[in-house]
Amino acid sequence: MKLIEMNMDKIITLCRKYRVAQLWVFGSILTPRFNADSDVDFSVNFDDESIRRDGLDWADIFFDFIHELESLLGRKIDMVCDDSVSNKYFRKELDATKQLIYG
């Protein structure tokens, strides 16, 4: 989690740029298993109304946000849209472990 804390100001800037409503971390970054080879797992909700209103491309927003987070953190990023998680086992685990960092 220290990696996130050290970069929080820049993460907030990216969240604003990419119309993020909420951003959570989950997975190994929240555990002692996190190491130099670990990726960073995020769950995100975007401000879809703002994206539609301004005529932005949702896919571009999603993938550009991931790319900028990878550049900032120097790690591979895995990201899911929180509203889209339908697998009940993953949903339960995600809800039990995710930690809100923006929104």
PDB file of N, CA and C in Angstrom:
ATOM      1  N   MET A   1       0.825  -1.197   0.000  1.00  0.00           N
ATOM      2  CA  MET A   1       0.000   0.000   0.000  1.00  0.00           C
ATOM      3  C   MET A   1       0.868   1.259   0.000  1.00  0.00           C
ATOM      4  N   LYS A   2       2.110   1.101   0.422  1.00  0.00           N
ATOM      5  CA  LYS A   2       3.019   2.247   0.444  1.00  0.00           C
ATOM      6  C   LYS A   2       3.198   2.846  -0.957  1.00  0.00           C
ATOM      7  N   LEU A   3       3.221   1.982  -1.980  1.00  0.00           N
ATOM      8  CA  LEU A   3       3.341   2.448  -3.360  1.00  0.00           C
ATOM      9  C   LEU A   3       2.197   3.391  -3.716  1.00  0.00           C
ATOM     10  N   ILE A   4       0.996   3.059  -3.282  1.00  0.00           N
ATOM     11  CA  ILE A   4      -0.173   3.902  -3.541  1.00  0.00           C
ATOM     12  C   ILE A   4      -0.055   5.203  -2.754  1.00  0.00           C
ATOM     13  N   GLU A   5       0.269   5.099  -1.482  1.00  0.00           N
ATOM     14  CA  GLU A   5       0.371   6.285  -0.625  1.00  0.00           C
ATOM     15  C   GLU A   5       1.410   7.271  -1.149  1.00  0.00           C
ATOM     16  N   MET A   6       2.543   6.757  -1.637  1.00  0.00           N
ATOM     17  CA  MET A   6       3.610   7.626  -2.147  1.00  0.00           C
ATOM     18  C   MET A   6       3.188   8.373  -3.412  1.00  0.00           C
ATOM     19  N   ASN A   7       2.221   7.847  -4.123  1.00  0.00           N
ATOM     20  CA  ASN A   7       1.799   8.424  -5.404  1.00  0.00           C
ATOM     21  C   ASN A   7       0.376   8.954  -5.379  1.00  0.00           C
ATOM     22  N   MET A   8      -0.186   9.130  -4.199  1.00  0.00           N
ATOM     23  CA  MET A   8      -1.600   9.462  -4.075  1.00  0.00           C
ATOM     24  C   MET A   8      -1.978  10.761  -4.781  1.00  0.00           C
ATOM     25  N   ASP A   9      -1.168  11.798  -4.671  1.00  0.00           N
ATOM     26  CA  ASP A   9      -1.493  13.069  -5.333  1.00  0.00           C
ATOM     27  C   ASP A   9      -1.610  12.891  -6.846  1.00  0.00           C
ATOM     28  N   LYS A  10      -0.690  12.138  -7.433  1.00  0.00           N
ATOM     29  CA  LYS A  10      -0.723  11.908  -8.878  1.00  0.00           C
ATOM     30  C   LYS A  10      -1.875  10.986  -9.265  1.00  0.00           C
ATOM     31  N   ILE A  11      -2.200  10.024  -8.419  1.00  0.00           N
ATOM     32  CA  ILE A  11      -3.345   9.146  -8.679  1.00  0.00           C
ATOM     33  C   ILE A  11      -4.633   9.963  -8.680  1.00  0.00           C
ATOM     34  N   ILE A  12      -4.772  10.870  -7.739  1.00  0.00           N
ATOM     35  CA  ILE A  12      -5.956  11.740  -7.685  1.00  0.00           C
ATOM     36  C   ILE A  12      -6.056  12.578  -8.960  1.00  0.00           C
ATOM     37  N   THR A  13      -4.934  13.118  -9.418  1.00  0.00           N
ATOM     38  CA  THR A  13      -4.923  13.892 -10.659  1.00  0.00           C
ATOM     39  C   THR A  13      -5.393  13.037 -11.836  1.00  0.00           C
ATOM     40  N   LEU A  14      -4.913  11.799 -11.915  1.00  0.00           N
ATOM     41  CA  LEU A  14      -5.341  10.902 -12.992  1.00  0.00           C
ATOM     42  C   LEU A  14      -6.825  10.567 -12.873  1.00  0.00           C
ATOM     43  N   CYS A  15      -7.303  10.354 -11.661  1.00  0.00           N
ATOM     44  CA  CYS A  15      -8.726  10.062 -11.462  1.00  0.00           C
ATOM     45  C   CYS A  15      -9.590  11.209 -11.979  1.00  0.00           C
ATOM     46  N   ARG A  16      -9.187  12.413 -11.712  1.00  0.00           N
ATOM     47  CA  ARG A  16      -9.943  13.575 -12.199  1.00  0.00           C
ATOM     48  C   ARG A  16      -9.879  13.667 -13.723  1.00  0.00           C
ATOM     49  N   LYS A  17      -8.703  13.462 -14.273  1.00  0.00           N
ATOM     50  CA  LYS A  17      -8.511  13.533 -15.728  1.00  0.00           C
ATOM     51  C   LYS A  17      -9.366  12.500 -16.456  1.00  0.00           C
ATOM     52  N   TYR A  18      -9.469  11.301 -15.883  1.00  0.00           N
ATOM     53  CA  TYR A  18     -10.160  10.205 -16.556  1.00  0.00           C
ATOM     54  C   TYR A  18     -11.571   9.952 -16.031  1.00  0.00           C
ATOM     55  N   ARG A  19     -12.142  10.940 -15.361  1.00  0.00           N
ATOM     56  CA  ARG A  19     -13.556  10.895 -14.956  1.00  0.00           C
ATOM     57  C   ARG A  19     -13.876   9.700 -14.050  1.00  0.00           C
ATOM     58  N   VAL A  20     -12.986   9.409 -13.126  1.00  0.00           N
ATOM     59  CA  VAL A  20     -13.199   8.314 -12.178  1.00  0.00           C
ATOM     60  C   VAL A  20     -14.115   8.792 -11.065  1.00  0.00           C
ATOM     61  N   ALA A  21     -15.133   8.003 -10.763  1.00  0.00           N
ATOM     62  CA  ALA A  21     -16.032   8.305  -9.649  1.00  0.00           C
ATOM     63  C   ALA A  21     -15.507   7.675  -8.359  1.00  0.00           C
ATOM     64  N   GLN A  22     -15.108   6.399  -8.429  1.00  0.00           N
ATOM     65  CA  GLN A  22     -14.514   5.709  -7.285  1.00  0.00           C
ATOM     66  C   GLN A  22     -13.391   4.800  -7.784  1.00  0.00           C
ATOM     67  N   LEU A  23     -12.356   4.675  -6.965  1.00  0.00           N
ATOM     68  CA  LEU A  23     -11.243   3.784  -7.276  1.00  0.00           C
ATOM     69  C   LEU A  23     -10.852   3.039  -6.013  1.00  0.00           C
ATOM     70  N   TRP A  24     -10.760   1.728  -6.131  1.00  0.00           N
ATOM     71  CA  TRP A  24     -10.364   0.872  -5.019  1.00  0.00           C
ATOM     72  C   TRP A  24      -9.124   0.082  -5.420  1.00  0.00           C
ATOM     73  N   VAL A  25      -8.327  -0.321  -4.439  1.00  0.00           N
ATOM     74  CA  VAL A  25      -7.282  -1.322  -4.647  1.00  0.00           C
ATOM     75  C   VAL A  25      -7.737  -2.592  -3.958  1.00  0.00           C
ATOM     76  N   PHE A  26      -7.258  -3.713  -4.474  1.00  0.00           N
ATOM     77  CA  PHE A  26      -7.522  -4.998  -3.837  1.00  0.00           C
ATOM     78  C   PHE A  26      -6.379  -5.936  -4.202  1.00  0.00           C
ATOM     79  N   GLY A  27      -6.386  -7.101  -3.634  1.00  0.00           N
ATOM     80  CA  GLY A  27      -5.379  -8.104  -3.979  1.00  0.00           C
ATOM     81  C   GLY A  27      -4.118  -7.988  -3.156  1.00  0.00           C
ATOM     82  N   SER A  28      -3.028  -8.459  -3.751  1.00  0.00           N
ATOM     83  CA  SER A  28      -1.778  -8.628  -3.002  1.00  0.00           C
ATOM     84  C   SER A  28      -1.198  -7.329  -2.470  1.00  0.00           C
ATOM     85  N   ILE A  29      -1.517  -6.191  -3.086  1.00  0.00           N
ATOM     86  CA  ILE A  29      -0.962  -4.923  -2.591  1.00  0.00           C
ATOM     87  C   ILE A  29      -1.389  -4.648  -1.149  1.00  0.00           C
ATOM     88  N   LEU A  30      -2.463  -5.269  -0.721  1.00  0.00           N
ATOM     89  CA  LEU A  30      -2.967  -5.075   0.640  1.00  0.00           C
ATOM     90  C   LEU A  30      -2.474  -6.147   1.604  1.00  0.00           C
ATOM     91  N   THR A  31      -1.551  -6.979   1.144  1.00  0.00           N
ATOM     92  CA  THR A  31      -1.085  -8.104   1.961  1.00  0.00           C
ATOM     93  C   THR A  31       0.438  -8.131   2.021  1.00  0.00           C
ATOM     94  N   PRO A  32       0.982  -8.951   2.907  1.00  0.00           N
ATOM     95  CA  PRO A  32       2.439  -9.124   2.945  1.00  0.00           C
ATOM     96  C   PRO A  32       2.995  -9.834   1.706  1.00  0.00           C
ATOM     97  N   ARG A  33       2.143 -10.424   0.876  1.00  0.00           N
ATOM     98  CA  ARG A  33       2.594 -11.121  -0.340  1.00  0.00           C
ATOM     99  C   ARG A  33       3.059 -10.157  -1.433  1.00  0.00           C
ATOM    100  N   PHE A  34       2.732  -8.876  -1.322  1.00  0.00           N
ATOM    101  CA  PHE A  34       3.106  -7.898  -2.349  1.00  0.00           C
ATOM    102  C   PHE A  34       4.618  -7.805  -2.433  1.00  0.00           C
ATOM    103  N   ASN A  35       5.159  -7.937  -3.667  1.00  0.00           N
ATOM    104  CA  ASN A  35       6.610  -7.892  -3.840  1.00  0.00           C
ATOM    105  C   ASN A  35       6.962  -7.164  -5.138  1.00  0.00           C
ATOM    106  N   ALA A  36       8.228  -7.161  -5.472  1.00  0.00           N
ATOM    107  CA  ALA A  36       8.716  -6.410  -6.633  1.00  0.00           C
ATOM    108  C   ALA A  36       8.116  -6.891  -7.951  1.00  0.00           C
ATOM    109  N   ASP A  37       7.644  -8.127  -7.999  1.00  0.00           N
ATOM    110  CA  ASP A  37       7.071  -8.677  -9.230  1.00  0.00           C
ATOM    111  C   ASP A  37       5.552  -8.580  -9.280  1.00  0.00           C
ATOM    112  N   SER A  38       4.933  -8.087  -8.228  1.00  0.00           N
ATOM    113  CA  SER A  38       3.468  -8.052  -8.147  1.00  0.00           C
ATOM    114  C   SER A  38       2.881  -6.972  -9.043  1.00  0.00           C
ATOM    115  N   ASP A  39       1.714  -7.294  -9.607  1.00  0.00           N
ATOM    116  CA  ASP A  39       0.945  -6.264 -10.298  1.00  0.00           C
ATOM    117  C   ASP A  39       0.096  -5.537  -9.259  1.00  0.00           C
ATOM    118  N   VAL A  40      -0.639  -4.528  -9.702  1.00  0.00           N
ATOM    119  CA  VAL A  40      -1.534  -3.803  -8.802  1.00  0.00           C
ATOM    120  C   VAL A  40      -2.949  -3.958  -9.346  1.00  0.00           C
ATOM    121  N   ASP A  41      -3.851  -4.403  -8.480  1.00  0.00           N
ATOM    122  CA  ASP A  41      -5.240  -4.645  -8.855  1.00  0.00           C
ATOM    123  C   ASP A  41      -6.113  -3.476  -8.424  1.00  0.00           C
ATOM    124  N   PHE A  42      -6.871  -2.953  -9.384  1.00  0.00           N
ATOM    125  CA  PHE A  42      -7.796  -1.858  -9.118  1.00  0.00           C
ATOM    126  C   PHE A  42      -9.206  -2.254  -9.536  1.00  0.00           C
ATOM    127  N   SER A  43     -10.165  -1.703  -8.825  1.00  0.00           N
ATOM    128  CA  SER A  43     -11.570  -1.757  -9.213  1.00  0.00           C
ATOM    129  C   SER A  43     -12.019  -0.307  -9.356  1.00  0.00           C
ATOM    130  N   VAL A  44     -12.765  -0.016 -10.417  1.00  0.00           N
ATOM    131  CA  VAL A  44     -13.077   1.374 -10.745  1.00  0.00           C
ATOM    132  C   VAL A  44     -14.539   1.533 -11.136  1.00  0.00           C
ATOM    133  N   ASN A  45     -15.091   2.665 -10.809  1.00  0.00           N
ATOM    134  CA  ASN A  45     -16.354   3.147 -11.369  1.00  0.00           C
ATOM    135  C   ASN A  45     -16.062   4.502 -11.989  1.00  0.00           C
ATOM    136  N   PHE A  46     -16.484   4.668 -13.227  1.00  0.00           N
ATOM    137  CA  PHE A  46     -16.310   5.937 -13.916  1.00  0.00           C
ATOM    138  C   PHE A  46     -17.573   6.774 -13.797  1.00  0.00           C
ATOM    139  N   ASP A  47     -17.413   8.076 -13.998  1.00  0.00           N
ATOM    140  CA  ASP A  47     -18.554   8.988 -14.067  1.00  0.00           C
ATOM    141  C   ASP A  47     -19.099   8.906 -15.489  1.00  0.00           C
ATOM    142  N   ASP A  48     -19.902   7.866 -15.739  1.00  0.00           N
ATOM    143  CA  ASP A  48     -20.392   7.598 -17.092  1.00  0.00           C
ATOM    144  C   ASP A  48     -21.183   8.766 -17.670  1.00  0.00           C
ATOM    145  N   GLU A  49     -21.942   9.457 -16.839  1.00  0.00           N
ATOM    146  CA  GLU A  49     -22.733  10.599 -17.313  1.00  0.00           C
ATOM    147  C   GLU A  49     -21.823  11.689 -17.881  1.00  0.00           C
ATOM    148  N   SER A  50     -20.749  11.986 -17.171  1.00  0.00           N
ATOM    149  CA  SER A  50     -19.795  12.997 -17.627  1.00  0.00           C
ATOM    150  C   SER A  50     -19.117  12.568 -18.929  1.00  0.00           C
ATOM    151  N   ILE A  51     -18.769  11.296 -19.028  1.00  0.00           N
ATOM    152  CA  ILE A  51     -18.125  10.779 -20.242  1.00  0.00           C
ATOM    153  C   ILE A  51     -19.070  10.904 -21.432  1.00  0.00           C
ATOM    154  N   ARG A  52     -20.334  10.512 -21.242  1.00  0.00           N
ATOM    155  CA  ARG A  52     -21.332  10.619 -22.325  1.00  0.00           C
ATOM    156  C   ARG A  52     -21.597  12.072 -22.697  1.00  0.00           C
ATOM    157  N   ARG A  53     -21.793  12.904 -21.682  1.00  0.00           N
ATOM    158  CA  ARG A  53     -22.123  14.313 -21.910  1.00  0.00           C
ATOM    159  C   ARG A  53     -21.056  15.007 -22.752  1.00  0.00           C
ATOM    160  N   ASP A  54     -19.794  14.669 -22.490  1.00  0.00           N
ATOM    161  CA  ASP A  54     -18.700  15.329 -23.198  1.00  0.00           C
ATOM    162  C   ASP A  54     -18.286  14.593 -24.470  1.00  0.00           C
ATOM    163  N   GLY A  55     -19.021  13.546 -24.834  1.00  0.00           N
ATOM    164  CA  GLY A  55     -18.756  12.830 -26.078  1.00  0.00           C
ATOM    165  C   GLY A  55     -17.431  12.102 -26.112  1.00  0.00           C
ATOM    166  N   LEU A  56     -16.957  11.659 -24.955  1.00  0.00           N
ATOM    167  CA  LEU A  56     -15.680  10.952 -24.888  1.00  0.00           C
ATOM    168  C   LEU A  56     -15.883   9.467 -25.177  1.00  0.00           C
ATOM    169  N   ASP A  57     -14.831   8.810 -25.617  1.00  0.00           N
ATOM    170  CA  ASP A  57     -14.882   7.385 -25.908  1.00  0.00           C
ATOM    171  C   ASP A  57     -14.556   6.606 -24.637  1.00  0.00           C
ATOM    172  N   TRP A  58     -15.513   5.797 -24.190  1.00  0.00           N
ATOM    173  CA  TRP A  58     -15.355   5.084 -22.925  1.00  0.00           C
ATOM    174  C   TRP A  58     -14.141   4.157 -22.952  1.00  0.00           C
ATOM    175  N   ALA A  59     -13.944   3.428 -24.046  1.00  0.00           N
ATOM    176  CA  ALA A  59     -12.810   2.498 -24.133  1.00  0.00           C
ATOM    177  C   ALA A  59     -11.482   3.247 -24.060  1.00  0.00           C
ATOM    178  N   ASP A  60     -11.395   4.392 -24.731  1.00  0.00           N
ATOM    179  CA  ASP A  60     -10.166   5.189 -24.654  1.00  0.00           C
ATOM    180  C   ASP A  60      -9.894   5.628 -23.222  1.00  0.00           C
ATOM    181  N   ILE A  61     -10.929   6.077 -22.534  1.00  0.00           N
ATOM    182  CA  ILE A  61     -10.782   6.497 -21.134  1.00  0.00           C
ATOM    183  C   ILE A  61     -10.238   5.336 -20.299  1.00  0.00           C
ATOM    184  N   PHE A  62     -10.862   4.174 -20.432  1.00  0.00           N
ATOM    185  CA  PHE A  62     -10.485   2.996 -19.639  1.00  0.00           C
ATOM    186  C   PHE A  62      -9.028   2.601 -19.882  1.00  0.00           C
ATOM    187  N   PHE A  63      -8.649   2.410 -21.145  1.00  0.00           N
ATOM    188  CA  PHE A  63      -7.308   1.915 -21.441  1.00  0.00           C
ATOM    189  C   PHE A  63      -6.232   2.980 -21.246  1.00  0.00           C
ATOM    190  N   ASP A  64      -6.539   4.238 -21.514  1.00  0.00           N
ATOM    191  CA  ASP A  64      -5.569   5.306 -21.254  1.00  0.00           C
ATOM    192  C   ASP A  64      -5.313   5.466 -19.758  1.00  0.00           C
ATOM    193  N   PHE A  65      -6.355   5.303 -18.949  1.00  0.00           N
ATOM    194  CA  PHE A  65      -6.202   5.370 -17.491  1.00  0.00           C
ATOM    195  C   PHE A  65      -5.273   4.257 -17.009  1.00  0.00           C
ATOM    196  N   ILE A  66      -5.486   3.043 -17.491  1.00  0.00           N
ATOM    197  CA  ILE A  66      -4.610   1.924 -17.127  1.00  0.00           C
ATOM    198  C   ILE A  66      -3.171   2.229 -17.531  1.00  0.00           C
ATOM    199  N   HIS A  67      -2.979   2.689 -18.762  1.00  0.00           N
ATOM    200  CA  HIS A  67      -1.630   2.977 -19.263  1.00  0.00           C
ATOM    201  C   HIS A  67      -0.920   4.019 -18.391  1.00  0.00           C
ATOM    202  N   GLU A  68      -1.631   5.080 -18.024  1.00  0.00           N
ATOM    203  CA  GLU A  68      -0.997   6.121 -17.201  1.00  0.00           C
ATOM    204  C   GLU A  68      -0.696   5.619 -15.792  1.00  0.00           C
ATOM    205  N   LEU A  69      -1.564   4.775 -15.241  1.00  0.00           N
ATOM    206  CA  LEU A  69      -1.270   4.188 -13.928  1.00  0.00           C
ATOM    207  C   LEU A  69      -0.043   3.279 -14.005  1.00  0.00           C
ATOM    208  N   GLU A  70       0.074   2.496 -15.075  1.00  0.00           N
ATOM    209  CA  GLU A  70       1.250   1.638 -15.239  1.00  0.00           C
ATOM    210  C   GLU A  70       2.522   2.472 -15.321  1.00  0.00           C
ATOM    211  N   SER A  71       2.476   3.570 -16.061  1.00  0.00           N
ATOM    212  CA  SER A  71       3.645   4.453 -16.170  1.00  0.00           C
ATOM    213  C   SER A  71       3.989   5.081 -14.829  1.00  0.00           C
ATOM    214  N   LEU A  72       2.983   5.536 -14.114  1.00  0.00           N
ATOM    215  CA  LEU A  72       3.200   6.176 -12.819  1.00  0.00           C
ATOM    216  C   LEU A  72       3.763   5.208 -11.792  1.00  0.00           C
ATOM    217  N   LEU A  73       3.164   4.032 -11.690  1.00  0.00           N
ATOM    218  CA  LEU A  73       3.524   3.092 -10.627  1.00  0.00           C
ATOM    219  C   LEU A  73       4.640   2.133 -11.024  1.00  0.00           C
ATOM    220  N   GLY A  74       4.957   2.067 -12.306  1.00  0.00           N
ATOM    221  CA  GLY A  74       6.000   1.154 -12.757  1.00  0.00           C
ATOM    222  C   GLY A  74       5.623  -0.300 -12.570  1.00  0.00           C
ATOM    223  N   ARG A  75       4.349  -0.586 -12.652  1.00  0.00           N
ATOM    224  CA  ARG A  75       3.822  -1.946 -12.446  1.00  0.00           C
ATOM    225  C   ARG A  75       2.759  -2.246 -13.482  1.00  0.00           C
ATOM    226  N   LYS A  76       2.565  -3.536 -13.745  1.00  0.00           N
ATOM    227  CA  LYS A  76       1.420  -3.955 -14.545  1.00  0.00           C
ATOM    228  C   LYS A  76       0.164  -3.689 -13.723  1.00  0.00           C
ATOM    229  N   ILE A  77      -0.865  -3.203 -14.385  1.00  0.00           N
ATOM    230  CA  ILE A  77      -2.131  -2.899 -13.723  1.00  0.00           C
ATOM    231  C   ILE A  77      -3.199  -3.858 -14.228  1.00  0.00           C
ATOM    232  N   ASP A  78      -3.918  -4.467 -13.304  1.00  0.00           N
ATOM    233  CA  ASP A  78      -5.133  -5.210 -13.624  1.00  0.00           C
ATOM    234  C   ASP A  78      -6.292  -4.388 -13.098  1.00  0.00           C
ATOM    235  N   MET A  79      -7.285  -4.144 -13.962  1.00  0.00           N
ATOM    236  CA  MET A  79      -8.400  -3.293 -13.557  1.00  0.00           C
ATOM    237  C   MET A  79      -9.719  -3.926 -13.965  1.00  0.00           C
ATOM    238  N   VAL A  80     -10.666  -3.891 -13.043  1.00  0.00           N
ATOM    239  CA  VAL A  80     -12.031  -4.314 -13.336  1.00  0.00           C
ATOM    240  C   VAL A  80     -12.955  -3.134 -13.076  1.00  0.00           C
ATOM    241  N   CYS A  81     -14.051  -3.096 -13.821  1.00  0.00           N
ATOM    242  CA  CYS A  81     -15.096  -2.111 -13.549  1.00  0.00           C
ATOM    243  C   CYS A  81     -15.980  -2.687 -12.457  1.00  0.00           C
ATOM    244  N   ASP A  82     -16.026  -2.016 -11.338  1.00  0.00           N
ATOM    245  CA  ASP A  82     -16.702  -2.550 -10.161  1.00  0.00           C
ATOM    246  C   ASP A  82     -18.157  -2.903 -10.442  1.00  0.00           C
ATOM    247  N   ASP A  83     -18.849  -2.061 -11.184  1.00  0.00           N
ATOM    248  CA  ASP A  83     -20.260  -2.310 -11.490  1.00  0.00           C
ATOM    249  C   ASP A  83     -20.470  -3.532 -12.372  1.00  0.00           C
ATOM    250  N   SER A  84     -19.421  -3.985 -13.049  1.00  0.00           N
ATOM    251  CA  SER A  84     -19.557  -5.081 -14.010  1.00  0.00           C
ATOM    252  C   SER A  84     -19.221  -6.451 -13.443  1.00  0.00           C
ATOM    253  N   VAL A  85     -18.742  -6.514 -12.222  1.00  0.00           N
ATOM    254  CA  VAL A  85     -18.367  -7.806 -11.640  1.00  0.00           C
ATOM    255  C   VAL A  85     -19.637  -8.575 -11.294  1.00  0.00           C
ATOM    256  N   SER A  86     -19.870  -9.671 -12.020  1.00  0.00           N
ATOM    257  CA  SER A  86     -21.104 -10.432 -11.813  1.00  0.00           C
ATOM    258  C   SER A  86     -20.872 -11.806 -11.192  1.00  0.00           C
ATOM    259  N   ASN A  87     -19.641 -12.301 -11.229  1.00  0.00           N
ATOM    260  CA  ASN A  87     -19.362 -13.588 -10.601  1.00  0.00           C
ATOM    261  C   ASN A  87     -19.540 -13.451  -9.095  1.00  0.00           C
ATOM    262  N   LYS A  88     -20.461 -14.223  -8.536  1.00  0.00           N
ATOM    263  CA  LYS A  88     -20.819 -14.023  -7.125  1.00  0.00           C
ATOM    264  C   LYS A  88     -19.667 -14.310  -6.169  1.00  0.00           C
ATOM    265  N   TYR A  89     -18.770 -15.228  -6.526  1.00  0.00           N
ATOM    266  CA  TYR A  89     -17.640 -15.541  -5.649  1.00  0.00           C
ATOM    267  C   TYR A  89     -16.601 -14.424  -5.687  1.00  0.00           C
ATOM    268  N   PHE A  90     -16.316 -13.931  -6.894  1.00  0.00           N
ATOM    269  CA  PHE A  90     -15.389 -12.808  -7.020  1.00  0.00           C
ATOM    270  C   PHE A  90     -15.980 -11.556  -6.383  1.00  0.00           C
ATOM    271  N   ARG A  91     -17.289 -11.325  -6.598  1.00  0.00           N
ATOM    272  CA  ARG A  91     -17.964 -10.158  -6.021  1.00  0.00           C
ATOM    273  C   ARG A  91     -17.836 -10.168  -4.502  1.00  0.00           C
ATOM    274  N   LYS A  92     -18.067 -11.330  -3.890  1.00  0.00           N
ATOM    275  CA  LYS A  92     -17.985 -11.445  -2.430  1.00  0.00           C
ATOM    276  C   LYS A  92     -16.565 -11.153  -1.941  1.00  0.00           C
ATOM    277  N   GLU A  93     -15.570 -11.734  -2.606  1.00  0.00           N
ATOM    278  CA  GLU A  93     -14.175 -11.516  -2.226  1.00  0.00           C
ATOM    279  C   GLU A  93     -13.768 -10.058  -2.438  1.00  0.00           C
ATOM    280  N   LEU A  94     -14.168  -9.502  -3.561  1.00  0.00           N
ATOM    281  CA  LEU A  94     -13.844  -8.109  -3.869  1.00  0.00           C
ATOM    282  C   LEU A  94     -14.439  -7.172  -2.825  1.00  0.00           C
ATOM    283  N   ASP A  95     -15.716  -7.350  -2.524  1.00  0.00           N
ATOM    284  CA  ASP A  95     -16.376  -6.479  -1.543  1.00  0.00           C
ATOM    285  C   ASP A  95     -15.768  -6.614  -0.150  1.00  0.00           C
ATOM    286  N   ALA A  96     -15.278  -7.802   0.171  1.00  0.00           N
ATOM    287  CA  ALA A  96     -14.706  -8.037   1.499  1.00  0.00           C
ATOM    288  C   ALA A  96     -13.301  -7.460   1.648  1.00  0.00           C
ATOM    289  N   THR A  97     -12.598  -7.285   0.525  1.00  0.00           N
ATOM    290  CA  THR A  97     -11.183  -6.920   0.637  1.00  0.00           C
ATOM    291  C   THR A  97     -10.803  -5.574   0.031  1.00  0.00           C
ATOM    292  N   LYS A  98     -11.599  -5.048  -0.882  1.00  0.00           N
ATOM    293  CA  LYS A  98     -11.187  -3.821  -1.572  1.00  0.00           C
ATOM    294  C   LYS A  98     -11.125  -2.638  -0.608  1.00  0.00           C
ATOM    295  N   GLN A  99     -10.217  -1.719  -0.919  1.00  0.00           N
ATOM    296  CA  GLN A  99     -10.019  -0.534  -0.087  1.00  0.00           C
ATOM    297  C   GLN A  99     -10.152   0.710  -0.965  1.00  0.00           C
ATOM    298  N   LEU A 100     -11.075   1.591  -0.604  1.00  0.00           N
ATOM    299  CA  LEU A 100     -11.318   2.816  -1.366  1.00  0.00           C
ATOM    300  C   LEU A 100     -10.130   3.764  -1.238  1.00  0.00           C
ATOM    301  N   ILE A 101      -9.640   4.237  -2.390  1.00  0.00           N
ATOM    302  CA  ILE A 101      -8.557   5.224  -2.356  1.00  0.00           C
ATOM    303  C   ILE A 101      -8.961   6.538  -3.016  1.00  0.00           C
ATOM    304  N   TYR A 102     -10.110   6.539  -3.738  1.00  0.00           N
ATOM    305  CA  TYR A 102     -10.586   7.775  -4.357  1.00  0.00           C
ATOM    306  C   TYR A 102     -12.098   7.715  -4.507  1.00  0.00           C
ATOM    307  N   GLY A 103     -12.734   8.838  -4.204  1.00  0.00           N
ATOM    308  CA  GLY A 103     -14.181   8.950  -4.437  1.00  0.00           C
ATOM    309  C   GLY A 103     -15.011   8.885  -3.181  1.00  0.00           C
TER     310      GLY A 103
END
